[in-house]
Amino acid sequence: MNIVSPPSIAKTTRDLLELRAKDEHPGLLFEGRIWTWAEVVDECKVRAHALLALHQPGVAFHVGVMLENDPEYVFAIGAAAYAGATVVGINLTRRGEELTRDIAYTDVEILITSKELESYFNSAPSGIPTQRTLYIGTEEFERILAPFRGLPAPQIPAANNPETKLLLLFTSGSTGDPKAVICTTGRLCRTAVYRHMGLGRRDVSYNAMPLFHGNGIFACWANPLATGGTFALARKFSASKFLRDVMRYKATYFNYVGRSLSYLLAQPERQEESGTYLESCFGTEASEFDLAEFKRRYGVGPTESYGASEGGLTLARTADTPKNALGAAPTGMDAAVVDPATMEECPRAQLSDDGRILNAEEAIGELVNLTGAALFEGYYKNPAATAARVRGTAFFTGDLGYRDEDGFFYFAGRDADRLRVDSENFSAAPIERVLSRFPGATLAAVYPVPDVRTGDQVMATIQVEDPSTFDVQEFAQFLDAQPDLGTKWAPKFLRVVTDVPVTATQKINKPQLRKDAWLADDLIFYRPARQFDYEVLDSAVVAELKSAFARNRRSHLLPMLTAEAK
């Protein structure tokens, strides 16, 4: 039986699953196996009963899922939707005590994981009793599920309430300690019934992004759930296996985050790239070069968008979106750039003919949806962080941006990307755009490192193909020739690498870069004076810097120095 879901009658994720309950269309593809939608829903129901049997009344019904991408992840989310439970997506980039902290903080009662991932705890206790730790792929796991096969869906009032928490998804951690974003079963349903990218039942949506992050769920799985299309799942992102996978699954769509496109394009070009079934792809934070190159090689132009994990603001690129812009707000979304101190809208950006911002200091503010507070469902057990995002009806993203005269928005960095040098405040993104113009630079990341006395200094990491051939004098001459380089923007420290560190969602790992500062084991240059004259940062200079930080009692501001002291 083929069923196309009528979205108007669906209010919860459980409703959407019920619409798929007798659907024999392929619903899930994974490593050679095919599940129809009816089979997917049956597996969700079985696990819902199992979770209900393990749940203790009076405690939070929170199910931690600590897995790589696996069908069990999909079944767990569906099970929670039927059982009125909440899935906590455990970030697999965490280890040891950080991992146990995340599990304890989100009040996980039941943990679904695998024997292979036990080592991630580094011998630290998970905090979850053995009888409530489920190891997928084991005989014991199948024994637990067996009594519930063939049973009808459980009838749980919470599952029918759109306000029931369905997901707790940790933020990426690219700007500090991760927070758990609340997503209700109603929000996921509303996301699913929105016809994302015009996808429908005939589409095969391929996802290799981790399901513990919202991109894989909201930008890929949600649509097939509503339309009855097919969801093809990869265990993890692999640039070398991507082409094989999209050909094997006849994928018509895929999603990406961060630097994924860069990794794909680093693969040797192959004739088959232009012969896939791909018709569209969607993601965030790809460079203009990668967008154009991917379209040249695969014949598909990626669609970029800006969307806060918290759900309070969305910006989308259109055909007339200028180069480097995030896009415009969809109809009905009251987006603005405001000064968070005054709540006044910032002046529109003045741009040169080649798109360079000329009035950054006054035009850059925080990206805000003035009527978006109701779209944000909060952070779990973090009222202070929740309050920081909401003022009256307005939702504050914590991201910096500016807006041109035509209404298009541009990204200017995270709030944590603000730098203060010699009492002047500015943000990282405009500097990154300048540095990215340097010939041979495939990526530039700018971030603050502590000054030996007060405030910050600018540090940049440049990614190039071969650091040994990097010409720092040519780089200095390039900086001197840039008319839109602010007087205090030139990097004091410059790190040259072949690959910048990234998070699990392929975003630049700026906390790691700030932690490393100028103590990393890479080629690093510094400017002794104000002039654009760089020298290699050798051991003698590092020793002088360490001494200066110690004299000024600021060594604690550099985590690497603190670690060395221990």
Protein backbone atom coordinates (compact mmCIF):
# COMPACT_ATOMS: atom_id res chain seq x y z
CA MET A 1 0.00 0.00 0.00
CA ASN A 2 1.37 3.40 -0.96
CA ILE A 3 0.32 6.30 1.24
CA VAL A 4 1.10 9.97 0.89
CA SER A 5 0.72 11.73 4.21
CA PRO A 6 -1.83 14.52 4.55
CA PRO A 7 0.23 16.90 6.73
CA SER A 8 -2.81 18.84 7.95
CA ILE A 9 -3.87 16.01 10.29
CA ALA A 10 -0.42 15.47 11.83
CA LYS A 11 0.37 17.34 15.04
CA THR A 12 3.06 15.11 16.54
CA THR A 13 5.86 12.87 15.32
CA ARG A 14 3.75 9.90 16.45
CA ASP A 15 1.04 11.05 14.01
CA LEU A 16 3.54 11.02 11.16
CA LEU A 17 4.72 7.51 12.04
CA GLU A 18 1.13 6.27 12.13
CA LEU A 19 0.63 7.60 8.61
CA ARG A 20 3.53 5.40 7.52
CA ALA A 21 2.39 2.30 9.48
CA LYS A 22 1.09 0.38 6.42
CA ASP A 23 3.32 2.00 3.82
CA GLU A 24 5.30 -0.57 1.81
CA HIS A 25 7.46 2.06 0.09
CA PRO A 26 11.19 1.80 0.96
CA GLY A 27 11.71 3.92 4.06
CA LEU A 28 15.28 3.22 5.19
CA LEU A 29 18.42 2.08 3.37
CA PHE A 30 21.55 1.13 5.28
CA GLU A 31 24.60 -0.89 4.28
CA GLY A 32 22.75 -3.20 1.89
CA ARG A 33 19.55 -3.57 3.91
CA ILE A 34 16.14 -2.15 3.01
CA TRP A 35 13.29 -1.50 5.43
CA THR A 36 9.87 -0.48 4.16
CA TRP A 37 8.20 2.32 6.08
CA ALA A 38 5.85 -0.24 7.60
CA GLU A 39 8.86 -2.20 8.86
CA VAL A 40 10.48 0.96 10.25
CA VAL A 41 7.32 1.81 12.17
CA ASP A 42 7.03 -1.75 13.52
CA GLU A 43 10.59 -1.57 14.85
CA CYS A 44 9.80 1.78 16.50
CA LYS A 45 6.76 0.29 18.25
CA VAL A 46 8.73 -2.70 19.54
CA ARG A 47 11.33 -0.43 21.10
CA ALA A 48 8.66 1.88 22.51
CA HIS A 49 7.24 -1.02 24.53
CA ALA A 50 10.74 -2.07 25.63
CA LEU A 51 11.57 1.44 26.83
CA LEU A 52 8.26 1.71 28.69
CA ALA A 53 9.02 -1.57 30.45
CA LEU A 54 12.39 -0.23 31.61
CA HIS A 55 11.14 3.22 32.61
CA GLN A 56 10.84 4.03 36.31
CA PRO A 57 7.83 6.18 37.19
CA GLY A 58 8.72 9.49 38.78
CA VAL A 59 11.99 10.09 36.93
CA ALA A 60 12.65 11.83 33.63
CA PHE A 61 11.95 9.44 30.74
CA HIS A 62 15.20 10.31 28.97
CA VAL A 63 16.83 7.81 26.63
CA GLY A 64 20.47 8.50 25.79
CA VAL A 65 21.47 7.32 22.32
CA MET A 66 25.23 6.95 22.09
CA LEU A 67 25.68 5.53 18.61
CA GLU A 68 27.19 6.20 15.25
CA ASN A 69 24.55 6.59 12.53
CA ASP A 70 22.65 3.32 12.64
CA PRO A 71 19.06 2.22 11.97
CA GLU A 72 18.75 1.84 15.75
CA TYR A 73 19.09 5.63 16.01
CA VAL A 74 16.04 6.09 13.78
CA PHE A 75 14.14 3.38 15.65
CA ALA A 76 14.98 5.04 18.98
CA ILE A 77 13.59 8.40 17.90
CA GLY A 78 10.44 6.71 16.64
CA ALA A 79 10.19 4.69 19.84
CA ALA A 80 10.41 7.85 21.92
CA ALA A 81 7.67 9.42 19.79
CA TYR A 82 5.37 6.48 20.59
CA ALA A 83 6.36 6.19 24.27
CA GLY A 84 6.28 9.87 25.21
CA ALA A 85 10.02 9.71 25.94
CA THR A 86 12.90 12.02 25.10
CA VAL A 87 15.95 10.98 23.10
CA VAL A 88 19.21 12.57 24.22
CA GLY A 89 21.69 12.61 21.35
CA ILE A 90 25.09 11.87 22.88
CA ASN A 91 27.91 13.69 21.09
CA LEU A 92 30.52 11.10 20.09
CA THR A 93 33.33 13.64 20.02
CA ARG A 94 33.21 13.74 23.82
CA ARG A 95 35.30 11.39 25.95
CA GLY A 96 35.67 10.25 29.54
CA GLU A 97 34.39 12.62 32.18
CA GLU A 98 32.99 15.04 29.57
CA LEU A 99 30.85 12.20 28.24
CA THR A 100 29.59 11.16 31.67
CA ARG A 101 28.91 14.82 32.46
CA ASP A 102 26.64 15.12 29.40
CA ILE A 103 24.76 11.95 30.37
CA ALA A 104 24.28 13.03 33.98
CA TYR A 105 23.40 16.62 33.10
CA THR A 106 20.56 15.54 30.81
CA ASP A 107 19.18 13.04 33.35
CA VAL A 108 19.57 10.03 31.08
CA GLU A 109 17.68 7.06 32.55
CA ILE A 110 18.24 4.47 29.80
CA LEU A 111 21.31 4.31 27.56
CA ILE A 112 21.35 2.74 24.08
CA THR A 113 24.90 2.20 22.86
CA SER A 114 27.22 -0.48 21.46
CA LYS A 115 30.01 -2.56 22.92
CA GLU A 116 32.43 -0.93 20.46
CA LEU A 117 31.82 2.51 21.99
CA GLU A 118 32.50 1.49 25.60
CA SER A 119 36.10 2.70 25.25
CA TYR A 120 34.84 6.28 24.80
CA PHE A 121 34.23 6.45 28.55
CA ASN A 122 37.98 6.02 29.20
CA SER A 123 37.11 3.80 32.21
CA ALA A 124 34.87 6.51 33.70
CA PRO A 125 31.49 5.15 34.87
CA SER A 126 28.57 5.97 32.59
CA GLY A 127 26.30 6.43 35.59
CA ILE A 128 23.62 4.22 34.01
CA PRO A 129 22.82 0.87 35.70
CA THR A 130 23.64 -2.28 33.72
CA GLN A 131 19.98 -3.28 33.51
CA ARG A 132 19.18 0.01 31.78
CA THR A 133 22.13 -0.03 29.38
CA LEU A 134 21.13 -1.56 26.05
CA TYR A 135 23.88 -2.76 23.70
CA ILE A 136 22.61 -2.97 20.13
CA GLY A 137 23.55 -5.98 18.03
CA THR A 138 23.78 -8.33 20.99
CA GLU A 139 21.73 -11.40 21.87
CA GLU A 140 20.66 -9.70 25.10
CA PHE A 141 19.29 -6.74 23.13
CA GLU A 142 17.21 -9.05 20.94
CA ARG A 143 16.01 -10.92 24.05
CA ILE A 144 14.74 -7.65 25.53
CA LEU A 145 12.86 -6.77 22.34
CA ALA A 146 11.39 -10.21 21.59
CA PRO A 147 8.30 -10.10 23.91
CA PHE A 148 7.06 -6.92 22.28
CA ARG A 149 7.09 -7.93 18.63
CA GLY A 150 3.68 -7.83 16.99
CA LEU A 151 2.10 -5.64 19.66
CA PRO A 152 0.04 -2.61 18.61
CA ALA A 153 1.32 0.88 19.29
CA PRO A 154 1.29 1.81 22.99
CA GLN A 155 -1.32 4.38 23.94
CA ILE A 156 0.54 7.02 25.93
CA PRO A 157 -1.09 10.45 26.45
CA ALA A 158 2.27 12.26 26.40
CA ALA A 159 2.95 10.92 22.90
CA ASN A 160 -0.13 12.80 21.63
CA ASN A 161 0.87 16.11 23.21
CA PRO A 162 2.80 18.34 20.77
CA GLU A 163 4.58 19.97 23.74
CA THR A 164 6.22 16.72 24.89
CA LYS A 165 10.00 16.88 24.64
CA LEU A 166 11.13 14.47 21.93
CA LEU A 167 14.81 15.40 21.52
CA LEU A 168 17.61 16.97 23.50
CA LEU A 169 20.35 17.82 21.01
CA PHE A 170 23.62 19.29 22.19
CA THR A 171 24.88 22.35 20.40
CA SER A 172 28.03 21.70 18.41
CA GLY A 173 30.34 23.12 21.05
CA SER A 174 32.01 25.35 18.44
CA THR A 175 31.62 28.36 20.76
CA GLY A 176 32.03 26.83 24.22
CA ASP A 177 30.47 24.20 26.46
CA PRO A 178 27.62 22.48 24.62
CA LYS A 179 24.05 23.12 25.73
CA ALA A 180 21.12 20.75 25.21
CA VAL A 181 18.53 22.28 22.87
CA ILE A 182 14.95 21.16 23.49
CA CYS A 183 12.92 19.94 20.51
CA THR A 184 9.32 18.91 21.11
CA THR A 185 7.50 16.24 19.15
CA GLY A 186 5.38 19.03 17.70
CA ARG A 187 8.39 20.97 16.44
CA LEU A 188 9.82 17.95 14.62
CA CYS A 189 6.40 17.32 13.08
CA ARG A 190 6.12 20.94 11.91
CA THR A 191 9.60 20.74 10.42
CA ALA A 192 8.74 17.50 8.64
CA VAL A 193 5.53 18.68 6.98
CA TYR A 194 7.25 21.77 5.63
CA ARG A 195 8.20 20.80 2.08
CA HIS A 196 11.94 21.21 2.48
CA MET A 197 13.67 21.80 -0.87
CA GLY A 198 10.52 20.63 -2.64
CA LEU A 199 11.40 17.00 -1.88
CA GLY A 200 8.71 14.37 -2.20
CA ARG A 201 7.92 10.69 -2.19
CA ARG A 202 10.10 9.77 -5.15
CA ASP A 203 13.22 11.28 -3.57
CA VAL A 204 16.01 9.37 -1.87
CA SER A 205 17.58 11.55 0.82
CA TYR A 206 21.15 10.60 1.76
CA ASN A 207 22.54 11.55 5.15
CA ALA A 208 26.09 11.10 6.44
CA MET A 209 25.94 13.84 9.07
CA PRO A 210 25.77 12.61 12.69
CA LEU A 211 22.24 12.09 13.98
CA PHE A 212 23.21 13.50 17.37
CA HIS A 213 23.16 16.88 15.61
CA GLY A 214 20.01 18.55 14.31
CA ASN A 215 21.14 18.80 10.68
CA GLY A 216 20.81 15.08 10.00
CA ILE A 217 17.36 14.91 11.57
CA PHE A 218 15.77 18.20 10.50
CA ALA A 219 17.41 18.64 7.10
CA CYS A 220 17.24 15.01 5.97
CA TRP A 221 15.18 12.45 7.93
CA ALA A 222 12.21 14.70 8.69
CA ASN A 223 11.17 15.14 5.06
CA PRO A 224 10.92 11.42 4.13
CA LEU A 225 9.03 10.85 7.37
CA ALA A 226 6.33 13.24 6.17
CA THR A 227 6.32 12.50 2.45
CA GLY A 228 7.01 8.77 2.49
CA GLY A 229 10.24 9.25 0.58
CA THR A 230 13.32 7.14 1.26
CA PHE A 231 16.03 7.85 3.82
CA ALA A 232 19.49 6.48 2.99
CA LEU A 233 21.84 6.47 5.95
CA ALA A 234 25.64 6.30 6.12
CA ARG A 235 27.33 5.20 9.35
CA LYS A 236 29.58 8.25 9.24
CA PHE A 237 30.75 10.86 6.77
CA SER A 238 33.41 9.58 4.38
CA ALA A 239 34.62 11.71 1.50
CA SER A 240 36.08 8.68 -0.26
CA LYS A 241 32.81 6.70 -0.05
CA PHE A 242 30.40 9.53 -0.84
CA LEU A 243 30.25 9.02 -4.61
CA ARG A 244 29.89 5.26 -4.23
CA ASP A 245 27.04 5.73 -1.77
CA VAL A 246 24.99 8.27 -3.74
CA MET A 247 25.32 6.08 -6.84
CA ARG A 248 24.44 2.91 -4.91
CA TYR A 249 21.34 4.42 -3.31
CA LYS A 250 20.36 6.49 -6.37
CA ALA A 251 20.23 9.46 -4.02
CA THR A 252 18.50 12.56 -5.34
CA TYR A 253 19.36 14.78 -2.34
CA PHE A 254 21.93 15.04 0.43
CA ASN A 255 22.64 17.40 3.31
CA TYR A 256 25.94 18.69 4.64
CA VAL A 257 27.42 20.94 7.31
CA GLY A 258 30.60 22.96 7.56
CA ARG A 259 33.57 21.74 5.58
CA SER A 260 32.04 18.57 4.15
CA LEU A 261 32.06 19.89 0.59
CA SER A 262 35.75 20.76 0.91
CA TYR A 263 36.55 17.16 1.82
CA LEU A 264 34.48 15.86 -1.10
CA LEU A 265 36.23 18.16 -3.53
CA ALA A 266 39.64 17.12 -2.22
CA GLN A 267 38.97 13.69 -3.72
CA PRO A 268 40.34 13.05 -7.21
CA GLU A 269 37.85 14.20 -9.83
CA ARG A 270 36.00 11.32 -11.48
CA GLN A 271 33.84 11.14 -14.58
CA GLU A 272 31.03 9.46 -12.60
CA GLU A 273 30.47 12.63 -10.58
CA SER A 274 28.41 14.17 -13.36
CA GLY A 275 26.33 11.00 -13.72
CA THR A 276 24.67 10.72 -10.31
CA TYR A 277 20.93 11.00 -9.65
CA LEU A 278 21.50 14.06 -7.45
CA GLU A 279 19.08 16.90 -8.07
CA SER A 280 19.62 19.04 -4.98
CA CYS A 281 21.67 19.39 -1.82
CA PHE A 282 21.38 21.61 1.21
CA GLY A 283 23.76 22.77 3.90
CA THR A 284 25.60 25.53 5.69
CA GLU A 285 28.97 27.26 5.83
CA ALA A 286 30.51 26.10 2.54
CA SER A 287 32.87 28.57 0.88
CA GLU A 288 31.94 30.32 -2.36
CA PHE A 289 34.74 28.41 -4.09
CA ASP A 290 33.42 25.04 -2.89
CA LEU A 291 29.85 25.90 -3.93
CA ALA A 292 30.97 26.74 -7.45
CA GLU A 293 33.35 23.81 -7.72
CA PHE A 294 30.78 21.29 -6.52
CA LYS A 295 28.31 22.55 -9.10
CA ARG A 296 30.97 22.25 -11.81
CA ARG A 297 31.88 18.69 -10.89
CA TYR A 298 28.51 17.23 -9.90
CA GLY A 299 26.18 19.45 -11.92
CA VAL A 300 24.17 20.35 -8.82
CA GLY A 301 24.23 23.76 -7.18
CA PRO A 302 24.15 23.46 -3.36
CA THR A 303 21.51 25.51 -1.54
CA GLU A 304 22.91 27.29 1.50
CA SER A 305 20.87 28.46 4.47
CA TYR A 306 21.37 29.87 7.93
CA GLY A 307 19.41 28.23 10.71
CA ALA A 308 19.95 28.37 14.44
CA SER A 309 19.89 24.96 16.14
CA GLU A 310 17.45 26.54 18.55
CA GLY A 311 14.93 27.14 15.75
CA GLY A 312 14.44 30.87 16.30
CA LEU A 313 15.76 32.25 13.01
CA THR A 314 16.12 31.04 9.44
CA LEU A 315 17.73 32.81 6.50
CA ALA A 316 17.76 31.33 3.00
CA ARG A 317 19.71 32.07 -0.15
CA THR A 318 17.75 32.96 -3.26
CA ALA A 319 18.78 33.26 -6.88
CA ASP A 320 19.65 36.94 -6.42
CA THR A 321 21.55 36.53 -3.15
CA PRO A 322 24.92 38.32 -3.38
CA LYS A 323 28.20 36.47 -3.03
CA ASN A 324 29.11 35.74 0.61
CA ALA A 325 25.62 36.61 1.89
CA LEU A 326 23.56 34.27 4.07
CA GLY A 327 20.42 35.23 2.21
CA ALA A 328 17.13 36.83 3.22
CA ALA A 329 14.46 36.04 5.77
CA PRO A 330 11.47 34.06 4.54
CA THR A 331 8.09 35.78 4.40
CA GLY A 332 6.72 36.36 7.88
CA MET A 333 10.06 36.13 9.70
CA ASP A 334 10.99 39.47 11.27
CA ALA A 335 14.78 39.25 11.00
CA ALA A 336 17.03 42.16 11.89
CA VAL A 337 20.54 43.13 12.96
CA VAL A 338 20.47 44.96 16.27
CA ASP A 339 22.79 46.41 18.84
CA PRO A 340 22.12 44.09 21.82
CA ALA A 341 22.93 46.87 24.29
CA THR A 342 20.33 49.29 22.95
CA MET A 343 17.97 46.99 21.01
CA GLU A 344 18.23 49.51 18.16
CA GLU A 345 18.60 48.22 14.62
CA CYS A 346 22.11 48.72 13.27
CA PRO A 347 22.67 50.91 10.21
CA ARG A 348 22.72 49.04 6.92
CA ALA A 349 26.16 47.97 5.73
CA GLN A 350 27.93 50.06 3.13
CA LEU A 351 29.60 47.72 0.65
CA SER A 352 32.22 48.40 -1.98
CA ASP A 353 31.70 47.26 -5.56
CA ASP A 354 33.39 43.96 -4.77
CA GLY A 355 31.30 43.35 -1.65
CA ARG A 356 33.66 44.53 1.06
CA ILE A 357 32.09 46.10 4.13
CA LEU A 358 33.18 49.69 4.69
CA ASN A 359 31.40 50.52 7.97
CA ALA A 360 31.88 47.32 9.95
CA GLU A 361 32.05 48.96 13.38
CA GLU A 362 28.56 50.47 13.21
CA ALA A 363 26.85 47.96 10.90
CA ILE A 364 27.73 44.71 12.69
CA GLY A 365 25.34 43.61 15.40
CA GLU A 366 23.53 40.49 16.55
CA LEU A 367 21.26 38.51 14.23
CA VAL A 368 17.79 38.60 15.76
CA ASN A 369 14.26 37.47 14.95
CA LEU A 370 12.18 40.22 16.53
CA THR A 371 9.15 37.94 16.84
CA GLY A 372 10.95 34.60 17.12
CA ALA A 373 10.99 33.93 20.87
CA ALA A 374 8.02 31.57 20.60
CA LEU A 375 9.94 29.40 18.11
CA PHE A 376 12.68 28.69 20.67
CA GLU A 377 11.82 25.87 23.09
CA GLY A 378 14.73 26.51 25.43
CA TYR A 379 17.86 24.81 26.73
CA TYR A 380 17.43 21.92 29.11
CA LYS A 381 18.15 22.85 32.74
CA ASN A 382 19.85 26.08 31.72
CA PRO A 383 17.52 29.01 32.43
CA ALA A 384 20.35 31.54 32.25
CA ALA A 385 21.35 30.48 28.74
CA THR A 386 17.69 30.35 27.72
CA ALA A 387 17.09 33.86 29.06
CA ALA A 388 20.11 35.14 27.12
CA ARG A 389 18.38 34.14 23.89
CA VAL A 390 15.04 35.80 24.61
CA ARG A 391 14.00 39.40 25.23
CA GLY A 392 10.27 39.91 25.10
CA THR A 393 9.17 38.57 21.71
CA ALA A 394 12.69 38.67 20.23
CA PHE A 395 15.01 35.70 19.75
CA PHE A 396 18.75 36.47 19.87
CA THR A 397 20.93 34.01 17.96
CA GLY A 398 24.24 34.87 19.61
CA ASP A 399 25.66 35.26 16.10
CA LEU A 400 26.96 38.47 14.62
CA GLY A 401 25.95 39.81 11.24
CA TYR A 402 25.19 42.78 9.07
CA ARG A 403 22.56 43.64 6.47
CA ASP A 404 22.98 45.42 3.15
CA GLU A 405 20.70 48.05 1.64
CA ASP A 406 18.79 45.40 -0.30
CA GLY A 407 17.94 43.47 2.86
CA PHE A 408 20.38 40.56 2.50
CA PHE A 409 22.09 39.32 5.65
CA TYR A 410 25.78 38.46 6.09
CA PHE A 411 27.49 36.42 8.78
CA ALA A 412 30.10 38.21 10.89
CA GLY A 413 31.08 35.52 13.37
CA ARG A 414 29.83 34.04 16.63
CA ASP A 415 29.30 36.23 19.63
CA ALA A 416 32.32 34.40 21.07
CA ASP A 417 34.27 35.53 17.99
CA ARG A 418 34.37 39.13 19.17
CA LEU A 419 37.86 40.45 19.75
CA ARG A 420 38.98 43.41 21.85
CA VAL A 421 42.36 44.79 20.82
CA ASP A 422 43.67 48.04 22.28
CA SER A 423 40.15 48.86 23.53
CA GLU A 424 38.63 48.41 20.07
CA ASN A 425 35.90 45.79 19.57
CA PHE A 426 35.47 43.95 16.28
CA SER A 427 34.45 40.51 14.99
CA ALA A 428 36.30 37.72 13.25
CA ALA A 429 34.30 37.08 10.08
CA PRO A 430 35.23 40.26 8.14
CA ILE A 431 38.92 39.54 8.83
CA GLU A 432 38.46 35.94 7.67
CA ARG A 433 37.01 37.18 4.39
CA VAL A 434 40.05 39.38 3.82
CA LEU A 435 42.51 36.59 4.61
CA SER A 436 40.63 34.11 2.42
CA ARG A 437 41.53 36.21 -0.63
CA PHE A 438 45.20 35.35 -0.22
CA PRO A 439 46.25 33.15 -3.16
CA GLY A 440 46.63 29.54 -2.07
CA ALA A 441 44.55 29.92 1.10
CA THR A 442 41.69 27.42 1.09
CA LEU A 443 40.39 28.50 4.48
CA ALA A 444 41.06 31.14 7.12
CA ALA A 445 39.97 31.06 10.77
CA VAL A 446 40.39 34.12 12.98
CA TYR A 447 40.03 34.07 16.77
CA PRO A 448 41.23 35.92 19.88
CA VAL A 449 44.19 34.87 21.99
CA PRO A 450 45.09 36.69 25.22
CA ASP A 451 47.46 39.63 25.12
CA VAL A 452 50.33 39.45 27.60
CA ARG A 453 48.96 42.50 29.43
CA THR A 454 45.30 43.12 28.66
CA GLY A 455 42.57 42.27 26.19
CA ASP A 456 43.23 40.17 23.09
CA GLN A 457 45.50 39.76 20.14
CA VAL A 458 44.36 38.58 16.72
CA MET A 459 45.44 35.10 15.73
CA ALA A 460 44.66 33.41 12.42
CA THR A 461 45.03 29.87 11.12
CA ILE A 462 45.49 29.61 7.37
CA GLN A 463 44.92 26.33 5.58
CA VAL A 464 47.12 25.75 2.54
CA GLU A 465 48.09 22.73 0.48
CA ASP A 466 51.73 22.73 1.57
CA PRO A 467 52.83 24.86 4.56
CA SER A 468 56.50 24.37 3.64
CA THR A 469 55.98 26.53 0.53
CA PHE A 470 54.07 29.28 2.34
CA ASP A 471 55.68 32.67 1.62
CA VAL A 472 55.10 34.83 4.69
CA GLN A 473 56.60 37.90 3.03
CA GLU A 474 54.13 37.58 0.18
CA PHE A 475 51.40 37.27 2.80
CA ALA A 476 52.61 40.44 4.54
CA GLN A 477 52.60 42.35 1.24
CA PHE A 478 49.09 41.05 0.58
CA LEU A 479 47.87 42.38 3.95
CA ASP A 480 49.43 45.76 3.31
CA ALA A 481 47.53 46.03 0.02
CA GLN A 482 44.04 45.31 1.40
CA PRO A 483 42.04 48.56 1.64
CA ASP A 484 39.36 47.08 3.93
CA LEU A 485 41.72 45.58 6.52
CA GLY A 486 40.99 47.37 9.80
CA THR A 487 43.90 49.06 11.52
CA LYS A 488 43.97 46.46 14.30
CA TRP A 489 42.83 43.47 12.23
CA ALA A 490 46.16 42.15 10.97
CA PRO A 491 46.98 38.87 12.78
CA LYS A 492 49.61 39.15 15.49
CA PHE A 493 50.06 35.38 15.28
CA LEU A 494 49.69 33.27 12.15
CA ARG A 495 49.43 29.47 12.16
CA VAL A 496 49.82 27.65 8.81
CA VAL A 497 48.34 24.15 8.46
CA THR A 498 47.16 21.63 5.90
CA ASP A 499 43.95 20.94 7.84
CA VAL A 500 42.19 23.02 10.48
CA PRO A 501 40.64 21.08 13.39
CA VAL A 502 36.90 20.58 13.03
CA THR A 503 34.02 19.38 15.22
CA ALA A 504 31.96 16.27 14.50
CA THR A 505 29.67 18.41 12.35
CA GLN A 506 32.58 19.69 10.27
CA LYS A 507 32.54 23.18 11.77
CA ILE A 508 35.86 24.85 12.53
CA ASN A 509 36.77 23.93 16.11
CA LYS A 510 37.58 27.40 17.38
CA PRO A 511 37.65 26.38 21.05
CA GLN A 512 40.49 24.02 20.13
CA LEU A 513 42.27 26.73 18.13
CA ARG A 514 41.97 29.17 21.03
CA LYS A 515 43.20 26.50 23.42
CA ASP A 516 46.22 25.75 21.23
CA ALA A 517 46.91 29.46 20.68
CA TRP A 518 50.54 29.91 19.59
CA LEU A 519 51.72 26.77 21.43
CA ALA A 520 50.65 24.30 18.76
CA ASP A 521 53.19 22.11 17.01
CA ASP A 522 52.74 23.76 13.60
CA LEU A 523 54.44 26.44 11.54
CA ILE A 524 53.63 29.70 13.37
CA PHE A 525 54.67 33.27 12.60
CA TYR A 526 54.31 36.44 14.65
CA ARG A 527 54.62 40.20 14.22
CA PRO A 528 57.03 41.75 16.75
CA ALA A 529 55.80 45.25 15.88
CA ARG A 530 52.91 47.00 14.15
CA GLN A 531 54.42 46.71 10.69
CA PHE A 532 53.49 43.82 8.39
CA ASP A 533 56.77 42.04 9.13
CA TYR A 534 56.43 38.43 10.24
CA GLU A 535 59.06 36.18 11.80
CA VAL A 536 59.00 32.50 12.68
CA LEU A 537 57.85 31.92 16.24
CA ASP A 538 60.80 29.90 17.54
CA SER A 539 61.43 28.39 20.97
CA ALA A 540 63.23 31.50 22.23
CA VAL A 541 60.26 33.75 21.45
CA VAL A 542 57.85 31.23 22.99
CA ALA A 543 59.94 31.24 26.18
CA GLU A 544 59.82 35.06 26.28
CA LEU A 545 56.04 35.04 25.83
CA LYS A 546 55.60 32.48 28.61
CA SER A 547 57.69 34.61 30.93
CA ALA A 548 55.70 37.72 30.07
CA PHE A 549 52.41 35.95 30.82
CA ALA A 550 53.84 34.71 34.13
CA ARG A 551 55.06 38.18 35.11
CA ASN A 552 51.64 39.65 34.42
CA ARG A 553 49.87 36.77 36.17
CA ARG A 554 47.96 35.86 33.01
CA SER A 555 49.28 32.35 32.38
CA HIS A 556 45.90 30.92 33.39
CA LEU A 557 44.35 32.50 30.29
CA LEU A 558 46.23 30.08 28.05
CA PRO A 559 44.97 26.52 28.69
CA MET A 560 48.06 24.95 27.11
CA LEU A 561 50.30 26.81 29.58
CA THR A 562 48.10 25.65 32.46
CA ALA A 563 48.37 22.06 31.24
CA GLU A 564 52.17 22.36 30.99
CA ALA A 565 52.34 23.65 34.57
CA LYS A 566 50.56 20.52 35.77
